[in-house]
Each structure stands twice: as C-alpha cells, then as structure tokens.
C-alpha cells in the first residue's frame, strides 16, 4: 500500500502542469502581458490559423474567413479579444472560459464566411 502511494505521488509530481489562460486572467492583466503570455496568445492564434488553413486546403468549410488583403498581428489579436470580451454577448461566458475559446469565437464573429455552414467549398 505504501509503495502504491509513493508511486502515485511520484507520478502526480512528474505529470506536466498545463494551464490555459482564462478570461479572468486576460482581463486582470489589462493589456500588460509578460513575454511568455504574449508568446502563448500568439501561439493560440497561430494554431487556430493553421487549423483553418488546413480546412481550406482540404476544400472544407473554414471556421472563419479573414480578408486576403489583411494579416492579423499580435496587436490585432489582443484588440479583437478585448473588444469581443466587452461585447454584451460575452457576458454569458464564464470567467474560467479558456482564452483560446474566446479567440476562436472572436475570429468567427469578425470574419464570417459567405458559404453557409455545413456546405463544402
């Protein structure tokens, strides 16, 4: 029994701790983000963007459709997140909602696709 407890404690200590930034943390920072947080938010956007690009490449319905003449940068992403969280529709989101969910929701809201959902491109 003791060995089992020691093993479980060691496994718990060795498991990587993964924490996603939540709405409450994003809002508490008030735009003063550390370099690691800036990298995290930029990485979230890059991951969502690559996923969206893969959908387009596979001729499937993308999640959002940004204009081809516009490239989002870090400042645009932060501004979009802030504006989206100030919108009344965001009041239904819980404070522990991951900021990645908010970013995806903001991208879909800001850059809707003209092709009806559920149809292939």
C-alpha atoms as a PDB file:
ATOM      1  CA  UNK A   1       0.000   0.000   0.000  1.00  0.00           C
ATOM      2  CA  UNK A   2       2.802   2.411   0.936  1.00  0.00           C
ATOM      3  CA  UNK A   3       4.624   1.691  -2.333  1.00  0.00           C
ATOM      4  CA  UNK A   4       1.453   2.397  -4.275  1.00  0.00           C
ATOM      5  CA  UNK A   5       1.026   5.745  -2.531  1.00  0.00           C
ATOM      6  CA  UNK A   6       4.660   6.672  -3.169  1.00  0.00           C
ATOM      7  CA  UNK A   7       4.302   5.658  -6.826  1.00  0.00           C
ATOM      8  CA  UNK A   8       1.109   7.704  -7.248  1.00  0.00           C
ATOM      9  CA  UNK A   9       2.676  10.735  -5.546  1.00  0.00           C
ATOM     10  CA  UNK A  10       5.725  10.472  -7.810  1.00  0.00           C
ATOM     11  CA  UNK A  11       3.538  10.204 -10.904  1.00  0.00           C
ATOM     12  CA  UNK A  12       1.482  13.218  -9.874  1.00  0.00           C
ATOM     13  CA  UNK A  13       4.633  15.257  -9.293  1.00  0.00           C
ATOM     14  CA  UNK A  14       6.106  14.193 -12.640  1.00  0.00           C
ATOM     15  CA  UNK A  15       2.967  14.972 -14.650  1.00  0.00           C
ATOM     16  CA  UNK A  16       3.306  18.219 -16.586  1.00  0.00           C
ATOM     17  CA  UNK A  17       1.102  21.002 -15.339  1.00  0.00           C
ATOM     18  CA  UNK A  18      -0.820  22.555 -18.181  1.00  0.00           C
ATOM     19  CA  UNK A  19      -2.901  25.609 -17.518  1.00  0.00           C
ATOM     20  CA  UNK A  20      -4.757  27.597 -20.085  1.00  0.00           C
ATOM     21  CA  UNK A  21      -5.179  31.316 -19.687  1.00  0.00           C
ATOM     22  CA  UNK A  22      -8.761  32.111 -18.718  1.00  0.00           C
ATOM     23  CA  UNK A  23     -10.921  35.173 -19.303  1.00  0.00           C
ATOM     24  CA  UNK A  24     -10.389  36.375 -15.740  1.00  0.00           C
ATOM     25  CA  UNK A  25      -6.591  36.299 -16.158  1.00  0.00           C
ATOM     26  CA  UNK A  26      -6.717  38.044 -19.523  1.00  0.00           C
ATOM     27  CA  UNK A  27      -8.909  40.820 -18.129  1.00  0.00           C
ATOM     28  CA  UNK A  28      -6.872  41.172 -14.928  1.00  0.00           C
ATOM     29  CA  UNK A  29      -3.696  41.774 -16.943  1.00  0.00           C
ATOM     30  CA  UNK A  30      -5.285  44.839 -18.590  1.00  0.00           C
ATOM     31  CA  UNK A  31      -3.003  44.505 -21.597  1.00  0.00           C
ATOM     32  CA  UNK A  32       0.213  44.283 -19.566  1.00  0.00           C
ATOM     33  CA  UNK A  33       1.240  40.805 -20.647  1.00  0.00           C
ATOM     34  CA  UNK A  34       4.565  39.148 -19.905  1.00  0.00           C
ATOM     35  CA  UNK A  35       6.671  37.942 -22.819  1.00  0.00           C
ATOM     36  CA  UNK A  36       5.611  34.358 -22.150  1.00  0.00           C
ATOM     37  CA  UNK A  37       1.925  35.347 -22.162  1.00  0.00           C
ATOM     38  CA  UNK A  38       2.399  37.232 -25.424  1.00  0.00           C
ATOM     39  CA  UNK A  39       4.007  34.137 -26.903  1.00  0.00           C
ATOM     40  CA  UNK A  40       1.157  31.984 -25.574  1.00  0.00           C
ATOM     41  CA  UNK A  41      -1.533  34.194 -27.140  1.00  0.00           C
ATOM     42  CA  UNK A  42       0.382  34.415 -30.424  1.00  0.00           C
ATOM     43  CA  UNK A  43       0.705  30.616 -30.374  1.00  0.00           C
ATOM     44  CA  UNK A  44      -3.020  30.196 -29.824  1.00  0.00           C
ATOM     45  CA  UNK A  45      -3.717  32.352 -32.841  1.00  0.00           C
ATOM     46  CA  UNK A  46      -1.129  30.519 -34.961  1.00  0.00           C
ATOM     47  CA  UNK A  47      -2.632  27.139 -34.042  1.00  0.00           C
ATOM     48  CA  UNK A  48      -6.149  28.270 -34.898  1.00  0.00           C
ATOM     49  CA  UNK A  49      -4.886  29.857 -38.113  1.00  0.00           C
ATOM     50  CA  UNK A  50      -3.086  26.671 -39.203  1.00  0.00           C
ATOM     51  CA  UNK A  51      -6.196  24.617 -38.446  1.00  0.00           C
ATOM     52  CA  UNK A  52      -8.265  26.994 -40.541  1.00  0.00           C
ATOM     53  CA  UNK A  53      -5.719  26.872 -43.385  1.00  0.00           C
ATOM     54  CA  UNK A  54      -5.813  23.073 -43.352  1.00  0.00           C
ATOM     55  CA  UNK A  55      -9.593  23.148 -43.736  1.00  0.00           C
ATOM     56  CA  UNK A  56      -9.256  25.441 -46.754  1.00  0.00           C
ATOM     57  CA  UNK A  57      -6.501  23.250 -48.228  1.00  0.00           C
ATOM     58  CA  UNK A  58      -8.756  20.198 -47.852  1.00  0.00           C
ATOM     59  CA  UNK A  59     -11.585  22.114 -49.567  1.00  0.00           C
ATOM     60  CA  UNK A  60     -13.696  22.006 -46.415  1.00  0.00           C
ATOM     61  CA  UNK A  61     -15.652  24.769 -44.735  1.00  0.00           C
ATOM     62  CA  UNK A  62     -13.228  27.006 -42.800  1.00  0.00           C
ATOM     63  CA  UNK A  63     -14.072  28.174 -39.301  1.00  0.00           C
ATOM     64  CA  UNK A  64     -13.605  31.819 -40.269  1.00  0.00           C
ATOM     65  CA  UNK A  65     -12.738  33.725 -43.450  1.00  0.00           C
ATOM     66  CA  UNK A  66     -10.369  36.669 -42.988  1.00  0.00           C
ATOM     67  CA  UNK A  67      -9.899  39.002 -45.943  1.00  0.00           C
ATOM     68  CA  UNK A  68      -6.977  38.072 -48.141  1.00  0.00           C
ATOM     69  CA  UNK A  69      -5.650  41.645 -48.011  1.00  0.00           C
ATOM     70  CA  UNK A  70      -5.377  41.688 -44.211  1.00  0.00           C
ATOM     71  CA  UNK A  71      -2.867  39.905 -41.986  1.00  0.00           C
ATOM     72  CA  UNK A  72      -3.549  39.701 -38.272  1.00  0.00           C
ATOM     73  CA  UNK A  73      -0.675  40.567 -35.984  1.00  0.00           C
ATOM     74  CA  UNK A  74      -0.344  40.295 -32.210  1.00  0.00           C
ATOM     75  CA  UNK A  75      -1.818  43.758 -31.563  1.00  0.00           C
ATOM     76  CA  UNK A  76      -4.851  42.946 -33.757  1.00  0.00           C
ATOM     77  CA  UNK A  77      -5.426  39.701 -31.870  1.00  0.00           C
ATOM     78  CA  UNK A  78      -5.267  41.421 -28.461  1.00  0.00           C
ATOM     79  CA  UNK A  79      -7.582  44.184 -29.678  1.00  0.00           C
ATOM     80  CA  UNK A  80     -10.031  41.628 -31.069  1.00  0.00           C
ATOM     81  CA  UNK A  81     -10.045  39.665 -27.803  1.00  0.00           C
ATOM     82  CA  UNK A  82     -10.558  42.820 -25.729  1.00  0.00           C
ATOM     83  CA  UNK A  83     -13.352  44.112 -27.966  1.00  0.00           C
ATOM     84  CA  UNK A  84     -15.034  40.715 -28.050  1.00  0.00           C
ATOM     85  CA  UNK A  85     -14.994  40.459 -24.254  1.00  0.00           C
ATOM     86  CA  UNK A  86     -16.565  43.927 -23.989  1.00  0.00           C
ATOM     87  CA  UNK A  87     -19.482  42.892 -26.230  1.00  0.00           C
ATOM     88  CA  UNK A  88     -22.726  42.045 -24.374  1.00  0.00           C
ATOM     89  CA  UNK A  89     -22.745  38.523 -25.853  1.00  0.00           C
ATOM     90  CA  UNK A  90     -19.561  37.762 -23.894  1.00  0.00           C
ATOM     91  CA  UNK A  91     -21.449  38.261 -20.624  1.00  0.00           C
ATOM     92  CA  UNK A  92     -22.667  34.670 -20.946  1.00  0.00           C
ATOM     93  CA  UNK A  93     -19.092  33.340 -20.896  1.00  0.00           C
ATOM     94  CA  UNK A  94     -17.828  32.099 -17.563  1.00  0.00           C
ATOM     95  CA  UNK A  95     -14.692  33.751 -16.133  1.00  0.00           C
ATOM     96  CA  UNK A  96     -12.897  30.388 -16.302  1.00  0.00           C
ATOM     97  CA  UNK A  97     -13.502  30.048 -20.051  1.00  0.00           C
ATOM     98  CA  UNK A  98     -10.159  29.446 -21.801  1.00  0.00           C
ATOM     99  CA  UNK A  99      -9.000  32.478 -23.780  1.00  0.00           C
ATOM    100  CA  UNK A 100      -8.469  30.195 -26.802  1.00  0.00           C
ATOM    101  CA  UNK A 101     -12.227  29.610 -26.956  1.00  0.00           C
ATOM    102  CA  UNK A 102     -12.771  33.369 -26.835  1.00  0.00           C
ATOM    103  CA  UNK A 103     -10.224  33.911 -29.608  1.00  0.00           C
ATOM    104  CA  UNK A 104     -11.873  31.353 -31.885  1.00  0.00           C
ATOM    105  CA  UNK A 105     -15.307  32.847 -31.161  1.00  0.00           C
ATOM    106  CA  UNK A 106     -13.972  36.344 -31.924  1.00  0.00           C
ATOM    107  CA  UNK A 107     -12.402  35.209 -35.208  1.00  0.00           C
ATOM    108  CA  UNK A 108     -15.644  33.545 -36.312  1.00  0.00           C
ATOM    109  CA  UNK A 109     -17.669  36.644 -35.353  1.00  0.00           C
ATOM    110  CA  UNK A 110     -15.276  39.114 -37.018  1.00  0.00           C
ATOM    111  CA  UNK A 111     -14.593  37.136 -40.165  1.00  0.00           C
ATOM    112  CA  UNK A 112     -17.728  35.157 -41.058  1.00  0.00           C
ATOM    113  CA  UNK A 113     -17.652  33.011 -44.165  1.00  0.00           C
ATOM    114  CA  UNK A 114     -20.053  33.666 -47.025  1.00  0.00           C
ATOM    115  CA  UNK A 115     -20.525  29.947 -47.688  1.00  0.00           C
ATOM    116  CA  UNK A 116     -23.365  28.626 -45.491  1.00  0.00           C
ATOM    117  CA  UNK A 117     -22.169  26.412 -42.608  1.00  0.00           C
ATOM    118  CA  UNK A 118     -22.223  22.725 -43.348  1.00  0.00           C
ATOM    119  CA  UNK A 119     -21.559  23.136 -47.083  1.00  0.00           C
ATOM    120  CA  UNK A 120     -18.259  22.273 -48.667  1.00  0.00           C
ATOM    121  CA  UNK A 121     -16.139  24.758 -50.526  1.00  0.00           C
END
